[in-house]
Amino acid sequence: MGFKPNVIKVDPTALYQPDEDGEDCPDTICRLLAEVVMPEIDELPFQVLYSGQPSSAPNYPVNILIGAHVYKRYMQISDKVLVYLMRTDKSVRYALHIKDGAKAPSVNTLSRFRTRVDQYMEETGISLMDAVMWQVSTKLNEMMQE
């Protein structure tokens, strides 16, 4: 599988339409993920997990997989529930920048991604997830200082 970065530098409001009553994203974690966490995720370090061959199939966007991991851990839900929410819940789709009509990842995709990240850590001693979480937490700390 070839690596293809998914650049998220878009206006999150373009991905989420408020409900008919005009209510915005009701879930604070969704808003935080959409507007702070997702744009801060650097996918390039994860490129080492994928094939360098241009003819291979592109990867599912890494930033969405990482954001899904964060959401899953925060909500303490299973992969199966997470996938269901990514397919059906507008707030979760907004949080993870999954555009209308775009396919949510499968349980297998989430599992394979975690396996690759874990194998890379075992082989190299480098935790790609720790690095991205450090980057995101730095941004959150900056916001809290403002």
C-alpha atoms as a PDB file:
ATOM      1  CA  MET A   1       0.000   0.000   0.000  1.00  0.00           C
ATOM      2  CA  GLY A   2       1.476   3.351  -1.037  1.00  0.00           C
ATOM      3  CA  PHE A   3       1.511   6.386   1.215  1.00  0.00           C
ATOM      4  CA  LYS A   4      -0.566   9.404   0.246  1.00  0.00           C
ATOM      5  CA  PRO A   5      -0.837  12.326   2.688  1.00  0.00           C
ATOM      6  CA  ASN A   6      -4.275  13.764   3.453  1.00  0.00           C
ATOM      7  CA  VAL A   7      -3.831  17.487   3.943  1.00  0.00           C
ATOM      8  CA  ILE A   8      -6.350  19.007   6.363  1.00  0.00           C
ATOM      9  CA  LYS A   9      -6.068  22.730   6.087  1.00  0.00           C
ATOM     10  CA  VAL A  10      -9.694  23.386   5.265  1.00  0.00           C
ATOM     11  CA  ASP A  11     -12.412  25.286   7.040  1.00  0.00           C
ATOM     12  CA  PRO A  12     -14.114  22.637   9.210  1.00  0.00           C
ATOM     13  CA  THR A  13     -17.444  24.410   8.802  1.00  0.00           C
ATOM     14  CA  ALA A  14     -17.345  23.345   5.153  1.00  0.00           C
ATOM     15  CA  LEU A  15     -17.574  19.736   6.326  1.00  0.00           C
ATOM     16  CA  TYR A  16     -20.345  20.118   8.876  1.00  0.00           C
ATOM     17  CA  GLN A  17     -23.752  21.544   8.336  1.00  0.00           C
ATOM     18  CA  PRO A  18     -25.601  22.626  11.503  1.00  0.00           C
ATOM     19  CA  ASP A  19     -28.871  20.944  12.327  1.00  0.00           C
ATOM     20  CA  GLU A  20     -32.136  22.476  11.150  1.00  0.00           C
ATOM     21  CA  ASP A  21     -32.471  24.377  14.421  1.00  0.00           C
ATOM     22  CA  GLY A  22     -29.090  26.021  13.739  1.00  0.00           C
ATOM     23  CA  GLU A  23     -27.349  24.155  16.535  1.00  0.00           C
ATOM     24  CA  ASP A  24     -23.650  23.715  15.951  1.00  0.00           C
ATOM     25  CA  CYS A  25     -21.576  20.647  16.799  1.00  0.00           C
ATOM     26  CA  PRO A  26     -23.081  19.549  20.117  1.00  0.00           C
ATOM     27  CA  ASP A  27     -20.154  17.523  21.331  1.00  0.00           C
ATOM     28  CA  THR A  28     -17.157  19.388  22.760  1.00  0.00           C
ATOM     29  CA  ILE A  29     -14.759  16.546  21.965  1.00  0.00           C
ATOM     30  CA  CYS A  30     -15.936  16.634  18.350  1.00  0.00           C
ATOM     31  CA  ARG A  31     -15.269  20.349  18.078  1.00  0.00           C
ATOM     32  CA  LEU A  32     -11.859  19.987  19.725  1.00  0.00           C
ATOM     33  CA  LEU A  33     -10.897  17.155  17.379  1.00  0.00           C
ATOM     34  CA  ALA A  34     -12.133  18.964  14.270  1.00  0.00           C
ATOM     35  CA  GLU A  35     -10.692  22.372  14.940  1.00  0.00           C
ATOM     36  CA  VAL A  36      -7.556  21.720  16.993  1.00  0.00           C
ATOM     37  CA  VAL A  37      -6.357  18.124  16.869  1.00  0.00           C
ATOM     38  CA  MET A  38      -6.952  17.113  13.251  1.00  0.00           C
ATOM     39  CA  PRO A  39      -5.189  20.090  11.611  1.00  0.00           C
ATOM     40  CA  GLU A  40      -2.147  19.530  13.879  1.00  0.00           C
ATOM     41  CA  ILE A  41      -1.581  15.879  12.929  1.00  0.00           C
ATOM     42  CA  ASP A  42       1.568  15.432  10.862  1.00  0.00           C
ATOM     43  CA  GLU A  43       1.121  12.351   8.702  1.00  0.00           C
ATOM     44  CA  LEU A  44       4.587  12.292   7.163  1.00  0.00           C
ATOM     45  CA  PRO A  45       6.277  10.298   9.961  1.00  0.00           C
ATOM     46  CA  PHE A  46       3.766   7.506   9.258  1.00  0.00           C
ATOM     47  CA  GLN A  47       4.948   7.237   5.665  1.00  0.00           C
ATOM     48  CA  VAL A  48       7.470   4.598   6.793  1.00  0.00           C
ATOM     49  CA  LEU A  49       4.560   2.212   7.434  1.00  0.00           C
ATOM     50  CA  TYR A  50       3.598   2.090   3.766  1.00  0.00           C
ATOM     51  CA  SER A  51       5.072   0.857   0.512  1.00  0.00           C
ATOM     52  CA  GLY A  52       7.115   3.303  -1.509  1.00  0.00           C
ATOM     53  CA  GLN A  53       5.881   1.818  -4.778  1.00  0.00           C
ATOM     54  CA  PRO A  54       3.778   4.286  -6.776  1.00  0.00           C
ATOM     55  CA  SER A  55       1.664   1.495  -8.273  1.00  0.00           C
ATOM     56  CA  SER A  56       0.376   0.290  -4.901  1.00  0.00           C
ATOM     57  CA  ALA A  57      -3.050   1.267  -3.566  1.00  0.00           C
ATOM     58  CA  PRO A  58      -3.186   4.514  -1.562  1.00  0.00           C
ATOM     59  CA  ASN A  59      -3.587   4.350   2.197  1.00  0.00           C
ATOM     60  CA  TYR A  60      -6.665   5.452   4.107  1.00  0.00           C
ATOM     61  CA  PRO A  61      -5.911   9.002   5.380  1.00  0.00           C
ATOM     62  CA  VAL A  62      -3.601   8.606   8.371  1.00  0.00           C
ATOM     63  CA  ASN A  63      -4.848  11.740  10.109  1.00  0.00           C
ATOM     64  CA  ILE A  64      -8.366  10.302  10.169  1.00  0.00           C
ATOM     65  CA  LEU A  65      -7.063   7.014  11.599  1.00  0.00           C
ATOM     66  CA  ILE A  66      -5.143   8.883  14.307  1.00  0.00           C
ATOM     67  CA  GLY A  67      -8.109  11.137  15.087  1.00  0.00           C
ATOM     68  CA  ALA A  68     -10.313   8.040  15.291  1.00  0.00           C
ATOM     69  CA  HIS A  69      -7.850   6.484  17.730  1.00  0.00           C
ATOM     70  CA  VAL A  70      -7.974   9.590  19.928  1.00  0.00           C
ATOM     71  CA  TYR A  71     -11.785   9.646  19.832  1.00  0.00           C
ATOM     72  CA  LYS A  72     -12.005   5.919  20.603  1.00  0.00           C
ATOM     73  CA  ARG A  73      -9.686   6.235  23.610  1.00  0.00           C
ATOM     74  CA  TYR A  74     -11.501   9.300  24.925  1.00  0.00           C
ATOM     75  CA  MET A  75     -14.951   7.733  24.569  1.00  0.00           C
ATOM     76  CA  GLN A  76     -13.775   4.254  25.666  1.00  0.00           C
ATOM     77  CA  ILE A  77     -15.568   2.479  22.842  1.00  0.00           C
ATOM     78  CA  SER A  78     -14.778  -0.526  20.673  1.00  0.00           C
ATOM     79  CA  ASP A  79     -13.610  -0.386  17.065  1.00  0.00           C
ATOM     80  CA  LYS A  80     -16.991  -1.729  16.001  1.00  0.00           C
ATOM     81  CA  VAL A  81     -18.851   1.115  17.737  1.00  0.00           C
ATOM     82  CA  LEU A  82     -16.332   3.636  16.434  1.00  0.00           C
ATOM     83  CA  VAL A  83     -16.830   2.508  12.841  1.00  0.00           C
ATOM     84  CA  TYR A  84     -20.600   2.651  13.269  1.00  0.00           C
ATOM     85  CA  LEU A  85     -20.344   6.223  14.583  1.00  0.00           C
ATOM     86  CA  MET A  86     -17.986   7.243  11.761  1.00  0.00           C
ATOM     87  CA  ARG A  87     -20.567   5.987   9.272  1.00  0.00           C
ATOM     88  CA  THR A  88     -23.696   7.434  10.899  1.00  0.00           C
ATOM     89  CA  ASP A  89     -22.965  10.274  13.344  1.00  0.00           C
ATOM     90  CA  LYS A  90     -22.591  13.726  11.802  1.00  0.00           C
ATOM     91  CA  SER A  91     -20.664  15.031  14.795  1.00  0.00           C
ATOM     92  CA  VAL A  92     -18.082  12.252  14.590  1.00  0.00           C
ATOM     93  CA  ARG A  93     -17.746  12.651  10.821  1.00  0.00           C
ATOM     94  CA  TYR A  94     -17.258  16.383  11.365  1.00  0.00           C
ATOM     95  CA  ALA A  95     -14.691  15.768  14.093  1.00  0.00           C
ATOM     96  CA  LEU A  96     -12.629  13.468  11.884  1.00  0.00           C
ATOM     97  CA  HIS A  97     -13.046  15.525   8.694  1.00  0.00           C
ATOM     98  CA  ILE A  98     -14.845  12.716   6.879  1.00  0.00           C
ATOM     99  CA  LYS A  99     -16.671  14.463   4.067  1.00  0.00           C
ATOM    100  CA  ASP A 100     -20.222  13.594   3.088  1.00  0.00           C
ATOM    101  CA  GLY A 101     -20.181  10.628   0.757  1.00  0.00           C
ATOM    102  CA  ALA A 102     -16.674   9.572   1.839  1.00  0.00           C
ATOM    103  CA  LYS A 103     -16.300   6.047   3.122  1.00  0.00           C
ATOM    104  CA  ALA A 104     -15.410   5.515   6.782  1.00  0.00           C
ATOM    105  CA  PRO A 105     -12.601   3.035   7.518  1.00  0.00           C
ATOM    106  CA  SER A 106     -13.455  -0.541   8.404  1.00  0.00           C
ATOM    107  CA  VAL A 107     -12.669  -2.301  11.670  1.00  0.00           C
ATOM    108  CA  ASN A 108      -9.925  -4.163   9.769  1.00  0.00           C
ATOM    109  CA  THR A 109      -8.371  -0.899   8.558  1.00  0.00           C
ATOM    110  CA  LEU A 110      -8.213   0.449  12.117  1.00  0.00           C
ATOM    111  CA  SER A 111      -6.752  -2.811  13.416  1.00  0.00           C
ATOM    112  CA  ARG A 112      -4.138  -3.093  10.643  1.00  0.00           C
ATOM    113  CA  PHE A 113      -3.044   0.500  11.204  1.00  0.00           C
ATOM    114  CA  ARG A 114      -2.532  -0.084  14.946  1.00  0.00           C
ATOM    115  CA  THR A 115      -0.654  -3.305  14.181  1.00  0.00           C
ATOM    116  CA  ARG A 116       1.699  -1.491  11.797  1.00  0.00           C
ATOM    117  CA  VAL A 117       2.331   1.283  14.328  1.00  0.00           C
ATOM    118  CA  ASP A 118       3.035  -1.300  17.071  1.00  0.00           C
ATOM    119  CA  GLN A 119       5.340  -3.368  14.822  1.00  0.00           C
ATOM    120  CA  TYR A 120       7.278  -0.246  13.846  1.00  0.00           C
ATOM    121  CA  MET A 121       7.770   0.603  17.518  1.00  0.00           C
ATOM    122  CA  GLU A 122       8.959  -2.928  18.303  1.00  0.00           C
ATOM    123  CA  GLU A 123      11.433  -2.860  15.391  1.00  0.00           C
ATOM    124  CA  THR A 124      12.793   0.668  15.858  1.00  0.00           C
ATOM    125  CA  GLY A 125      11.926   1.764  19.376  1.00  0.00           C
ATOM    126  CA  ILE A 126      10.203   4.829  17.875  1.00  0.00           C
ATOM    127  CA  SER A 127       6.600   5.482  18.863  1.00  0.00           C
ATOM    128  CA  LEU A 128       4.951   7.361  16.025  1.00  0.00           C
ATOM    129  CA  MET A 129       1.779   7.816  18.078  1.00  0.00           C
ATOM    130  CA  ASP A 130       3.674   9.339  21.007  1.00  0.00           C
ATOM    131  CA  ALA A 131       5.302  11.824  18.639  1.00  0.00           C
ATOM    132  CA  VAL A 132       2.001  12.972  17.162  1.00  0.00           C
ATOM    133  CA  MET A 133       0.333  13.118  20.581  1.00  0.00           C
ATOM    134  CA  TRP A 134       3.203  15.303  21.817  1.00  0.00           C
ATOM    135  CA  GLN A 135       2.657  17.615  18.855  1.00  0.00           C
ATOM    136  CA  VAL A 136      -1.082  17.860  19.541  1.00  0.00           C
ATOM    137  CA  SER A 137      -0.661  18.324  23.299  1.00  0.00           C
ATOM    138  CA  THR A 138       1.820  21.147  22.653  1.00  0.00           C
ATOM    139  CA  LYS A 139      -0.837  22.921  20.573  1.00  0.00           C
ATOM    140  CA  LEU A 140      -3.469  22.383  23.272  1.00  0.00           C
ATOM    141  CA  ASN A 141      -1.120  23.785  25.916  1.00  0.00           C
ATOM    142  CA  GLU A 142      -0.488  26.853  23.774  1.00  0.00           C
ATOM    143  CA  MET A 143      -4.234  27.386  23.457  1.00  0.00           C
ATOM    144  CA  MET A 144      -4.709  27.133  27.217  1.00  0.00           C
ATOM    145  CA  GLN A 145      -2.016  29.757  27.790  1.00  0.00           C
ATOM    146  CA  GLU A 146      -3.798  32.292  25.598  1.00  0.00           C
END
